[in-house]
């Protein structure tokens, strides 16, 4: 059951998928239509899930579900992964590579492989004040407050010199 993202409670569970490139306006429209369609049929053992999505910076797809309405199950998570895999295939983008790390350079969002990020940190091209995207957060509240943070406030800090 689709609801608007802003209507979800702060403890809603989120999954962040970062694209290896920006989405076009047409792709955003396509993703939005497909995501709403998916969420409207998203269930847990036959029970509706109350969910939503948002797209940030034309590059991050965030799926969310209100677990106070119904908890997700392994099967419902698997179905969301299949949905994202289908988007990847249809749009020819990579949304699932957990070895991609994203950070800001002024207003530009950069996505690099983890070893490249580590080299950048060692060369001090990445510092404690570099804005990074912590895609490992799990709730809407964390997404709103702790997703886009300085590197020293994220798991990225382990790579800082």
Foldseek 3Di string as FASTA:
>chain_A
DEDEPVPADFFWWKAKWFWQDAADPVLVVVCQVLQRVCQVPQAAVPHHWYWYWDDPPSTMIMITTRCVRPNHDPVSVVSVVVSVVVSCVVVVIGGPPPQWWWWDDPNDIHIDGVVVLLVCQVVVVAAQQTWTAASPDTTNNCNVPPGTGGCVSHPNVVSHD
